[in-house]
Amino acid sequence: MGELSKLPNIGPNVEAQLNQAGITTPEQLKETGSTQAWLKIKAIDDTACIHRLYALEGAIQGIRKTELPSNKKEELKAFYNHFK
């Protein structure tokens, strides 16, 4: 278990995918941003869903994905729908 899994919403599987994508620290995740991190994960796992995108954003903000503000969820949903 590394540093990333200490963040909200990040379990061992997502942490492994982030590591595979070259993101190994919370600082790198914040610098990369949720959308770009999700795209990196999507490139290695085509099943990456909107909930993973919400989870990444929540991890960056330090909150559970269910606590994301509705306007942020809408923004992320619009981004996600572009790649469906």
N, C-alpha and C. Protein backbone atom coordinates (compact mmCIF):
# COMPACT_ATOMS: atom_id res chain seq x y z
N MET A 1 0.86 -1.18 0.00
CA MET A 1 0.00 0.00 0.00
C MET A 1 0.89 1.23 0.00
N GLY A 2 0.65 2.10 -0.98
CA GLY A 2 1.47 3.29 -1.10
C GLY A 2 0.77 4.54 -0.61
N GLU A 3 1.33 5.67 -0.97
CA GLU A 3 0.80 6.97 -0.54
C GLU A 3 -0.59 7.25 -1.09
N LEU A 4 -0.84 6.87 -2.33
CA LEU A 4 -2.10 7.21 -2.99
C LEU A 4 -3.30 6.56 -2.30
N SER A 5 -3.13 5.35 -1.81
CA SER A 5 -4.27 4.66 -1.19
C SER A 5 -4.64 5.26 0.17
N LYS A 6 -3.86 6.19 0.64
CA LYS A 6 -4.22 6.91 1.87
C LYS A 6 -5.23 8.02 1.58
N LEU A 7 -5.41 8.34 0.31
CA LEU A 7 -6.37 9.36 -0.09
C LEU A 7 -7.77 8.77 -0.11
N PRO A 8 -8.80 9.61 0.09
CA PRO A 8 -10.17 9.11 -0.03
C PRO A 8 -10.41 8.56 -1.43
N ASN A 9 -11.19 7.51 -1.52
CA ASN A 9 -11.64 6.91 -2.78
C ASN A 9 -10.60 6.08 -3.51
N ILE A 10 -9.37 6.04 -3.03
CA ILE A 10 -8.32 5.34 -3.76
C ILE A 10 -8.00 4.02 -3.05
N GLY A 11 -8.42 2.94 -3.69
CA GLY A 11 -8.12 1.61 -3.17
C GLY A 11 -6.91 1.04 -3.89
N PRO A 12 -6.56 -0.19 -3.57
CA PRO A 12 -5.37 -0.80 -4.17
C PRO A 12 -5.43 -0.91 -5.69
N ASN A 13 -6.60 -1.19 -6.25
CA ASN A 13 -6.69 -1.34 -7.71
C ASN A 13 -6.48 -0.01 -8.43
N VAL A 14 -7.12 1.04 -7.95
CA VAL A 14 -6.96 2.36 -8.58
C VAL A 14 -5.53 2.85 -8.37
N GLU A 15 -4.98 2.60 -7.19
CA GLU A 15 -3.59 3.00 -6.94
C GLU A 15 -2.66 2.29 -7.92
N ALA A 16 -2.88 1.00 -8.16
CA ALA A 16 -2.04 0.25 -9.10
C ALA A 16 -2.17 0.83 -10.51
N GLN A 17 -3.38 1.21 -10.90
CA GLN A 17 -3.57 1.80 -12.22
C GLN A 17 -2.88 3.16 -12.31
N LEU A 18 -3.00 3.96 -11.27
CA LEU A 18 -2.31 5.25 -11.28
C LEU A 18 -0.80 5.05 -11.36
N ASN A 19 -0.28 4.10 -10.59
CA ASN A 19 1.16 3.81 -10.65
C ASN A 19 1.57 3.39 -12.05
N GLN A 20 0.76 2.54 -12.68
CA GLN A 20 1.04 2.08 -14.04
C GLN A 20 1.04 3.25 -15.02
N ALA A 21 0.22 4.26 -14.72
CA ALA A 21 0.14 5.46 -15.56
C ALA A 21 1.23 6.47 -15.22
N GLY A 22 2.08 6.15 -14.26
CA GLY A 22 3.19 7.04 -13.91
C GLY A 22 2.88 8.03 -12.80
N ILE A 23 1.76 7.85 -12.13
CA ILE A 23 1.36 8.74 -11.03
C ILE A 23 1.53 7.94 -9.73
N THR A 24 2.50 8.36 -8.92
CA THR A 24 2.82 7.57 -7.73
C THR A 24 2.67 8.32 -6.42
N THR A 25 2.43 9.62 -6.48
CA THR A 25 2.29 10.39 -5.25
C THR A 25 1.05 11.27 -5.31
N PRO A 26 0.52 11.66 -4.15
CA PRO A 26 -0.61 12.58 -4.15
C PRO A 26 -0.30 13.90 -4.87
N GLU A 27 0.92 14.35 -4.76
CA GLU A 27 1.32 15.59 -5.43
C GLU A 27 1.24 15.44 -6.94
N GLN A 28 1.69 14.30 -7.44
CA GLN A 28 1.62 14.06 -8.89
C GLN A 28 0.16 13.98 -9.34
N LEU A 29 -0.69 13.37 -8.53
CA LEU A 29 -2.11 13.29 -8.88
C LEU A 29 -2.71 14.68 -8.94
N LYS A 30 -2.39 15.52 -7.98
CA LYS A 30 -2.91 16.90 -7.97
C LYS A 30 -2.41 17.68 -9.16
N GLU A 31 -1.14 17.52 -9.49
CA GLU A 31 -0.56 18.23 -10.64
C GLU A 31 -1.19 17.75 -11.95
N THR A 32 -1.45 16.47 -12.04
CA THR A 32 -2.02 15.88 -13.25
C THR A 32 -3.49 16.28 -13.41
N GLY A 33 -4.21 16.28 -12.29
CA GLY A 33 -5.64 16.60 -12.32
C GLY A 33 -6.47 15.35 -12.58
N SER A 34 -7.70 15.41 -12.16
CA SER A 34 -8.56 14.22 -12.25
C SER A 34 -8.83 13.80 -13.69
N THR A 35 -9.07 14.76 -14.57
CA THR A 35 -9.43 14.39 -15.94
C THR A 35 -8.26 13.75 -16.68
N GLN A 36 -7.08 14.32 -16.53
CA GLN A 36 -5.92 13.75 -17.22
C GLN A 36 -5.51 12.42 -16.60
N ALA A 37 -5.64 12.30 -15.28
CA ALA A 37 -5.33 11.02 -14.62
C ALA A 37 -6.32 9.96 -15.10
N TRP A 38 -7.59 10.33 -15.23
CA TRP A 38 -8.60 9.39 -15.71
C TRP A 38 -8.29 8.95 -17.14
N LEU A 39 -7.88 9.89 -17.98
CA LEU A 39 -7.52 9.54 -19.37
C LEU A 39 -6.36 8.55 -19.40
N LYS A 40 -5.40 8.73 -18.51
CA LYS A 40 -4.26 7.81 -18.44
C LYS A 40 -4.73 6.42 -18.02
N ILE A 41 -5.66 6.37 -17.05
CA ILE A 41 -6.21 5.09 -16.62
C ILE A 41 -7.04 4.47 -17.74
N LYS A 42 -7.85 5.28 -18.40
CA LYS A 42 -8.71 4.80 -19.50
C LYS A 42 -7.87 4.17 -20.61
N ALA A 43 -6.67 4.70 -20.82
CA ALA A 43 -5.79 4.16 -21.86
C ALA A 43 -5.32 2.74 -21.54
N ILE A 44 -5.29 2.38 -20.25
CA ILE A 44 -4.86 1.04 -19.87
C ILE A 44 -6.02 0.15 -19.41
N ASP A 45 -7.18 0.77 -19.15
CA ASP A 45 -8.36 0.03 -18.69
C ASP A 45 -9.60 0.66 -19.31
N ASP A 46 -10.06 0.08 -20.38
CA ASP A 46 -11.19 0.65 -21.11
C ASP A 46 -12.50 0.65 -20.31
N THR A 47 -12.52 -0.06 -19.18
CA THR A 47 -13.74 -0.10 -18.36
C THR A 47 -13.80 1.06 -17.37
N ALA A 48 -12.81 1.94 -17.37
CA ALA A 48 -12.81 3.07 -16.44
C ALA A 48 -14.09 3.88 -16.63
N CYS A 49 -14.85 4.01 -15.55
CA CYS A 49 -16.17 4.64 -15.63
C CYS A 49 -16.17 6.02 -14.97
N ILE A 50 -17.33 6.63 -15.01
CA ILE A 50 -17.47 7.98 -14.45
C ILE A 50 -17.21 7.98 -12.95
N HIS A 51 -17.52 6.87 -12.28
CA HIS A 51 -17.30 6.81 -10.84
C HIS A 51 -15.81 6.86 -10.50
N ARG A 52 -15.00 6.32 -11.38
CA ARG A 52 -13.56 6.41 -11.18
C ARG A 52 -13.10 7.86 -11.34
N LEU A 53 -13.68 8.56 -12.29
CA LEU A 53 -13.37 9.98 -12.48
C LEU A 53 -13.78 10.78 -11.25
N TYR A 54 -14.98 10.53 -10.74
CA TYR A 54 -15.42 11.20 -9.51
C TYR A 54 -14.48 10.86 -8.34
N ALA A 55 -14.08 9.60 -8.27
CA ALA A 55 -13.18 9.18 -7.18
C ALA A 55 -11.86 9.93 -7.24
N LEU A 56 -11.32 10.09 -8.43
CA LEU A 56 -10.05 10.80 -8.58
C LEU A 56 -10.19 12.26 -8.16
N GLU A 57 -11.28 12.90 -8.58
CA GLU A 57 -11.50 14.30 -8.20
C GLU A 57 -11.67 14.41 -6.68
N GLY A 58 -12.42 13.50 -6.11
CA GLY A 58 -12.59 13.51 -4.66
C GLY A 58 -11.27 13.32 -3.93
N ALA A 59 -10.44 12.43 -4.45
CA ALA A 59 -9.13 12.20 -3.83
C ALA A 59 -8.29 13.47 -3.86
N ILE A 60 -8.33 14.17 -4.97
CA ILE A 60 -7.58 15.42 -5.09
C ILE A 60 -8.09 16.45 -4.09
N GLN A 61 -9.41 16.50 -3.92
CA GLN A 61 -10.00 17.48 -3.00
C GLN A 61 -9.98 17.01 -1.55
N GLY A 62 -9.66 15.74 -1.33
CA GLY A 62 -9.61 15.21 0.03
C GLY A 62 -10.98 14.88 0.59
N ILE A 63 -11.94 14.56 -0.30
CA ILE A 63 -13.29 14.23 0.14
C ILE A 63 -13.78 12.96 -0.54
N ARG A 64 -14.82 12.36 0.02
CA ARG A 64 -15.45 11.21 -0.62
C ARG A 64 -16.11 11.67 -1.93
N LYS A 65 -16.16 10.79 -2.90
CA LYS A 65 -16.73 11.18 -4.19
C LYS A 65 -18.19 11.59 -4.06
N THR A 66 -18.89 11.05 -3.09
CA THR A 66 -20.30 11.40 -2.89
C THR A 66 -20.47 12.82 -2.36
N GLU A 67 -19.39 13.41 -1.87
CA GLU A 67 -19.44 14.77 -1.33
C GLU A 67 -19.06 15.85 -2.35
N LEU A 68 -18.76 15.43 -3.57
CA LEU A 68 -18.42 16.41 -4.61
C LEU A 68 -19.61 17.33 -4.85
N PRO A 69 -19.37 18.62 -5.02
CA PRO A 69 -20.48 19.53 -5.33
C PRO A 69 -21.14 19.16 -6.66
N SER A 70 -22.42 19.38 -6.77
CA SER A 70 -23.15 18.98 -7.97
C SER A 70 -22.62 19.66 -9.23
N ASN A 71 -22.17 20.92 -9.12
CA ASN A 71 -21.64 21.60 -10.30
C ASN A 71 -20.35 20.94 -10.78
N LYS A 72 -19.53 20.43 -9.85
CA LYS A 72 -18.30 19.74 -10.23
C LYS A 72 -18.64 18.40 -10.89
N LYS A 73 -19.65 17.70 -10.34
CA LYS A 73 -20.07 16.44 -10.94
C LYS A 73 -20.58 16.65 -12.37
N GLU A 74 -21.34 17.72 -12.58
CA GLU A 74 -21.84 18.03 -13.92
C GLU A 74 -20.69 18.31 -14.88
N GLU A 75 -19.71 19.05 -14.42
CA GLU A 75 -18.52 19.36 -15.24
C GLU A 75 -17.80 18.07 -15.61
N LEU A 76 -17.60 17.20 -14.64
CA LEU A 76 -16.92 15.94 -14.89
C LEU A 76 -17.75 15.02 -15.79
N LYS A 77 -19.06 15.04 -15.61
CA LYS A 77 -19.94 14.22 -16.44
C LYS A 77 -19.87 14.66 -17.90
N ALA A 78 -19.83 15.97 -18.14
CA ALA A 78 -19.71 16.48 -19.51
C ALA A 78 -18.40 16.02 -20.13
N PHE A 79 -17.32 16.08 -19.35
CA PHE A 79 -16.02 15.61 -19.82
C PHE A 79 -16.09 14.12 -20.15
N TYR A 80 -16.64 13.34 -19.23
CA TYR A 80 -16.75 11.88 -19.42
C TYR A 80 -17.55 11.54 -20.66
N ASN A 81 -18.69 12.21 -20.85
CA ASN A 81 -19.55 11.92 -22.00
C ASN A 81 -18.85 12.18 -23.32
N HIS A 82 -17.89 13.05 -23.32
CA HIS A 82 -17.11 13.33 -24.53
C HIS A 82 -16.29 12.11 -24.97
N PHE A 83 -15.97 11.24 -24.01
CA PHE A 83 -15.10 10.10 -24.30
C PHE A 83 -15.83 8.76 -24.32
N LYS A 84 -17.16 8.79 -24.18
CA LYS A 84 -17.91 7.53 -24.22
C LYS A 84 -18.00 6.97 -25.61
